[in-house]
Protein backbone atom coordinates (compact mmCIF):
# COMPACT_ATOMS: atom_id res chain seq x y z
CA MET A 1 -16.83 -5.27 -12.43
CA LEU A 2 -16.72 -2.01 -10.53
CA SER A 3 -17.30 1.18 -12.47
CA ASN A 4 -17.44 4.82 -11.50
CA LYS A 5 -16.44 4.06 -7.93
CA LYS A 6 -13.86 5.66 -5.67
CA VAL A 7 -11.17 3.07 -5.11
CA LEU A 8 -8.12 3.20 -2.83
CA VAL A 9 -5.55 0.63 -3.95
CA GLY A 10 -2.66 -0.49 -1.78
CA ILE A 11 0.38 -0.46 -4.05
CA SER A 12 3.93 -1.73 -3.83
CA GLY A 13 5.27 -0.44 -7.12
CA GLY A 14 5.34 -3.86 -8.75
CA VAL A 15 3.64 -5.28 -11.81
CA ASP A 16 0.49 -6.37 -9.97
CA SER A 17 -0.06 -2.89 -8.54
CA SER A 18 0.46 -1.26 -11.93
CA TYR A 19 -2.01 -3.62 -13.59
CA VAL A 20 -4.71 -3.11 -10.96
CA LEU A 21 -4.37 0.68 -11.06
CA SER A 22 -4.54 0.66 -14.86
CA LEU A 23 -7.48 -1.73 -15.01
CA LEU A 24 -9.55 0.16 -12.45
CA LYS A 25 -8.79 3.51 -14.07
CA ARG A 26 -9.63 2.18 -17.54
CA GLU A 27 -12.99 0.99 -16.19
CA GLY A 28 -13.80 4.58 -15.24
CA ASN A 29 -13.13 4.47 -11.54
CA GLU A 30 -11.65 7.29 -9.49
CA VAL A 31 -8.46 5.57 -8.34
CA VAL A 32 -5.85 6.55 -5.74
CA GLY A 33 -2.70 4.55 -5.08
CA ALA A 34 -1.66 4.22 -1.43
CA TYR A 35 1.60 2.97 0.05
CA LEU A 36 1.93 1.97 3.70
CA ILE A 37 5.18 2.99 5.37
CA MET A 38 5.77 0.24 7.93
CA LYS A 39 9.49 0.63 8.66
CA ASP A 40 12.11 3.36 8.38
CA SER A 41 13.59 1.96 5.18
CA ASP A 42 10.19 2.33 3.49
CA LEU A 43 10.70 6.10 3.59
CA ASP A 44 13.21 5.73 0.73
CA CYS A 45 10.95 3.60 -1.48
CA ASN A 46 10.05 5.55 -4.62
CA GLU A 47 8.60 2.73 -6.73
CA PRO A 48 4.97 3.09 -5.59
CA LYS A 49 4.96 6.81 -6.38
CA LYS A 50 6.53 6.19 -9.80
CA THR A 51 3.93 3.52 -10.51
CA ALA A 52 1.04 5.85 -9.67
CA GLU A 53 2.55 8.65 -11.75
CA GLU A 54 3.06 6.36 -14.76
CA VAL A 55 -0.56 5.22 -14.61
CA GLY A 56 -1.75 8.78 -14.00
CA VAL A 57 -3.47 8.39 -10.66
CA PRO A 58 -3.01 10.31 -7.40
CA TYR A 59 -0.64 8.84 -4.83
CA ILE A 60 -0.55 9.00 -1.05
CA SER A 61 1.79 7.45 1.46
CA ILE A 62 0.52 6.56 4.90
CA ASP A 63 3.00 6.44 7.77
CA CYS A 64 1.87 3.57 9.97
CA ARG A 65 5.27 2.74 11.51
CA ASP A 66 4.14 3.33 15.08
CA ASP A 67 0.98 1.26 14.74
CA PHE A 68 2.82 -1.52 12.87
CA LYS A 69 5.50 -1.71 15.53
CA ARG A 70 2.99 -1.60 18.39
CA ILE A 71 0.36 -3.96 16.98
CA VAL A 72 2.13 -6.36 14.61
CA VAL A 73 5.67 -6.51 15.95
CA GLY A 74 4.51 -6.18 19.57
CA ASN A 75 2.07 -9.07 19.16
CA PHE A 76 4.72 -11.20 17.46
CA ILE A 77 7.20 -10.65 20.30
CA SER A 78 4.57 -11.31 22.94
CA GLU A 79 3.34 -14.53 21.32
CA TYR A 80 6.83 -15.75 20.45
CA SER A 81 7.97 -15.26 24.04
CA LEU A 82 5.06 -17.49 25.11
CA GLY A 83 6.19 -20.21 22.69
CA ARG A 84 3.44 -19.58 20.15
CA THR A 85 4.63 -19.16 16.59
């Protein structure tokens, strides 16, 4: 297992995220919880922050709405319009 490492964990606020944060922290790692904001409604999501606070690790949110729309949604639309699903 990892120990005494710096670890950035993508979190959703669910049980799996909580467990991973707790496990990594308990093993002595420097852990930060990160939440990706991919759509406007994600701005109102407080669960990831609550999860990080409950476990006692720092929390950051990363606004990647523009990139997600351009890369993921844009590619989906392009491929779908060509009949590729």
